[in-house]
Amino acid sequence: MSIGSDISKAERQERLIGRGLIVAATLCLVGAGGLLWWRQGAAVFSDVVSSALAWCF
């Protein structure tokens, strides 16, 4: 085993962990939105999204 293969294996593992974290964060946001929609209804959910977008811009 050479040093180069260890570095590439570590880089691959870091990329995999990074992608996993991005997927997990995306699923958390989608899940939170779905839960808010289910609990509050479409009208309140739309108002919350609209006010959040207005606050950002």
N, C-alpha and C. Protein backbone atom coordinates (compact mmCIF):
# COMPACT_ATOMS: atom_id res chain seq x y z
N MET A 1 0.83 -1.18 0.00
CA MET A 1 0.00 0.00 0.00
C MET A 1 0.88 1.24 0.00
N SER A 2 0.59 2.13 -0.88
CA SER A 2 1.40 3.35 -0.95
C SER A 2 0.67 4.50 -0.26
N ILE A 3 1.41 5.56 -0.06
CA ILE A 3 0.83 6.74 0.60
C ILE A 3 -0.24 7.36 -0.28
N GLY A 4 -0.04 7.34 -1.59
CA GLY A 4 -1.01 7.92 -2.51
C GLY A 4 -2.38 7.25 -2.43
N SER A 5 -2.40 5.93 -2.27
CA SER A 5 -3.68 5.24 -2.18
C SER A 5 -4.37 5.54 -0.85
N ASP A 6 -3.58 5.76 0.22
CA ASP A 6 -4.18 6.13 1.50
C ASP A 6 -4.82 7.50 1.43
N ILE A 7 -4.16 8.42 0.74
CA ILE A 7 -4.71 9.77 0.62
C ILE A 7 -6.00 9.74 -0.21
N SER A 8 -6.00 9.00 -1.29
CA SER A 8 -7.20 8.96 -2.12
C SER A 8 -8.34 8.27 -1.37
N LYS A 9 -8.02 7.27 -0.57
CA LYS A 9 -9.06 6.60 0.22
C LYS A 9 -9.63 7.57 1.26
N ALA A 10 -8.76 8.36 1.88
CA ALA A 10 -9.22 9.35 2.86
C ALA A 10 -10.06 10.43 2.19
N GLU A 11 -9.63 10.87 1.01
CA GLU A 11 -10.41 11.88 0.29
C GLU A 11 -11.77 11.34 -0.11
N ARG A 12 -11.81 10.09 -0.56
CA ARG A 12 -13.09 9.48 -0.93
C ARG A 12 -14.01 9.40 0.28
N GLN A 13 -13.44 9.03 1.42
CA GLN A 13 -14.24 8.92 2.64
C GLN A 13 -14.76 10.29 3.07
N GLU A 14 -13.94 11.33 2.96
CA GLU A 14 -14.38 12.68 3.31
C GLU A 14 -15.49 13.15 2.39
N ARG A 15 -15.36 12.87 1.10
CA ARG A 15 -16.42 13.24 0.15
C ARG A 15 -17.71 12.52 0.48
N LEU A 16 -17.61 11.24 0.80
CA LEU A 16 -18.79 10.45 1.13
C LEU A 16 -19.47 10.99 2.38
N ILE A 17 -18.68 11.34 3.38
CA ILE A 17 -19.24 11.91 4.60
C ILE A 17 -19.89 13.26 4.32
N GLY A 18 -19.23 14.08 3.50
CA GLY A 18 -19.80 15.39 3.14
C GLY A 18 -21.12 15.25 2.40
N ARG A 19 -21.15 14.33 1.45
CA ARG A 19 -22.41 14.12 0.72
C ARG A 19 -23.50 13.58 1.64
N GLY A 20 -23.12 12.70 2.55
CA GLY A 20 -24.08 12.16 3.50
C GLY A 20 -24.66 13.25 4.39
N LEU A 21 -23.81 14.18 4.82
CA LEU A 21 -24.29 15.29 5.65
C LEU A 21 -25.22 16.21 4.87
N ILE A 22 -24.91 16.46 3.62
CA ILE A 22 -25.77 17.29 2.79
C ILE A 22 -27.13 16.63 2.58
N VAL A 23 -27.11 15.32 2.30
CA VAL A 23 -28.37 14.58 2.13
C VAL A 23 -29.17 14.58 3.43
N ALA A 24 -28.50 14.36 4.56
CA ALA A 24 -29.20 14.35 5.84
C ALA A 24 -29.82 15.71 6.15
N ALA A 25 -29.08 16.80 5.88
CA ALA A 25 -29.62 18.13 6.12
C ALA A 25 -30.82 18.42 5.23
N THR A 26 -30.73 18.00 3.97
CA THR A 26 -31.84 18.20 3.04
C THR A 26 -33.07 17.43 3.49
N LEU A 27 -32.86 16.18 3.90
CA LEU A 27 -33.99 15.39 4.39
C LEU A 27 -34.60 15.98 5.65
N CYS A 28 -33.78 16.55 6.52
CA CYS A 28 -34.31 17.20 7.72
C CYS A 28 -35.18 18.41 7.35
N LEU A 29 -34.71 19.21 6.40
CA LEU A 29 -35.50 20.37 5.99
C LEU A 29 -36.81 19.96 5.33
N VAL A 30 -36.75 18.96 4.47
CA VAL A 30 -37.97 18.49 3.81
C VAL A 30 -38.92 17.88 4.85
N GLY A 31 -38.39 17.12 5.78
CA GLY A 31 -39.21 16.53 6.83
C GLY A 31 -39.86 17.59 7.71
N ALA A 32 -39.10 18.62 8.06
CA ALA A 32 -39.64 19.71 8.87
C ALA A 32 -40.74 20.44 8.12
N GLY A 33 -40.53 20.66 6.83
CA GLY A 33 -41.57 21.30 6.02
C GLY A 33 -42.82 20.45 5.92
N GLY A 34 -42.64 19.16 5.73
CA GLY A 34 -43.79 18.24 5.69
C GLY A 34 -44.54 18.20 7.00
N LEU A 35 -43.80 18.20 8.10
CA LEU A 35 -44.45 18.20 9.42
C LEU A 35 -45.21 19.50 9.65
N LEU A 36 -44.62 20.61 9.25
CA LEU A 36 -45.31 21.90 9.39
C LEU A 36 -46.56 21.93 8.53
N TRP A 37 -46.46 21.41 7.31
CA TRP A 37 -47.63 21.37 6.43
C TRP A 37 -48.73 20.51 7.03
N TRP A 38 -48.36 19.36 7.58
CA TRP A 38 -49.33 18.42 8.14
C TRP A 38 -50.01 19.01 9.38
N ARG A 39 -49.22 19.69 10.22
CA ARG A 39 -49.77 20.23 11.47
C ARG A 39 -50.52 21.55 11.27
N GLN A 40 -50.05 22.42 10.41
CA GLN A 40 -50.60 23.77 10.32
C GLN A 40 -51.50 24.00 9.11
N GLY A 41 -51.39 23.16 8.11
CA GLY A 41 -52.20 23.34 6.93
C GLY A 41 -51.49 24.18 5.87
N ALA A 42 -52.03 24.12 4.69
CA ALA A 42 -51.39 24.77 3.55
C ALA A 42 -51.37 26.29 3.68
N ALA A 43 -52.43 26.88 4.19
CA ALA A 43 -52.51 28.34 4.26
C ALA A 43 -51.45 28.91 5.20
N VAL A 44 -51.33 28.34 6.38
CA VAL A 44 -50.35 28.84 7.35
C VAL A 44 -48.95 28.55 6.84
N PHE A 45 -48.77 27.37 6.25
CA PHE A 45 -47.45 27.02 5.72
C PHE A 45 -47.03 28.01 4.65
N SER A 46 -47.94 28.37 3.76
CA SER A 46 -47.63 29.34 2.70
C SER A 46 -47.29 30.70 3.28
N ASP A 47 -48.01 31.11 4.33
CA ASP A 47 -47.72 32.38 4.99
C ASP A 47 -46.34 32.37 5.63
N VAL A 48 -45.98 31.26 6.25
CA VAL A 48 -44.67 31.16 6.88
C VAL A 48 -43.57 31.21 5.83
N VAL A 49 -43.74 30.48 4.75
CA VAL A 49 -42.73 30.48 3.68
C VAL A 49 -42.62 31.87 3.06
N SER A 50 -43.75 32.51 2.81
CA SER A 50 -43.73 33.86 2.24
C SER A 50 -43.03 34.85 3.15
N SER A 51 -43.32 34.80 4.43
CA SER A 51 -42.67 35.74 5.35
C SER A 51 -41.19 35.42 5.50
N ALA A 52 -40.82 34.17 5.46
CA ALA A 52 -39.39 33.80 5.53
C ALA A 52 -38.65 34.30 4.30
N LEU A 53 -39.24 34.15 3.12
CA LEU A 53 -38.61 34.65 1.91
C LEU A 53 -38.53 36.18 1.92
N ALA A 54 -39.57 36.84 2.41
CA ALA A 54 -39.56 38.29 2.49
C ALA A 54 -38.49 38.77 3.46
N TRP A 55 -38.29 38.04 4.55
CA TRP A 55 -37.25 38.39 5.51
C TRP A 55 -35.86 38.24 4.89
N CYS A 56 -35.68 37.23 4.06
CA CYS A 56 -34.36 36.99 3.43
C CYS A 56 -34.03 38.07 2.40
N PHE A 57 -35.03 38.55 1.69
CA PHE A 57 -34.78 39.50 0.61
C PHE A 57 -35.37 40.82 0.99
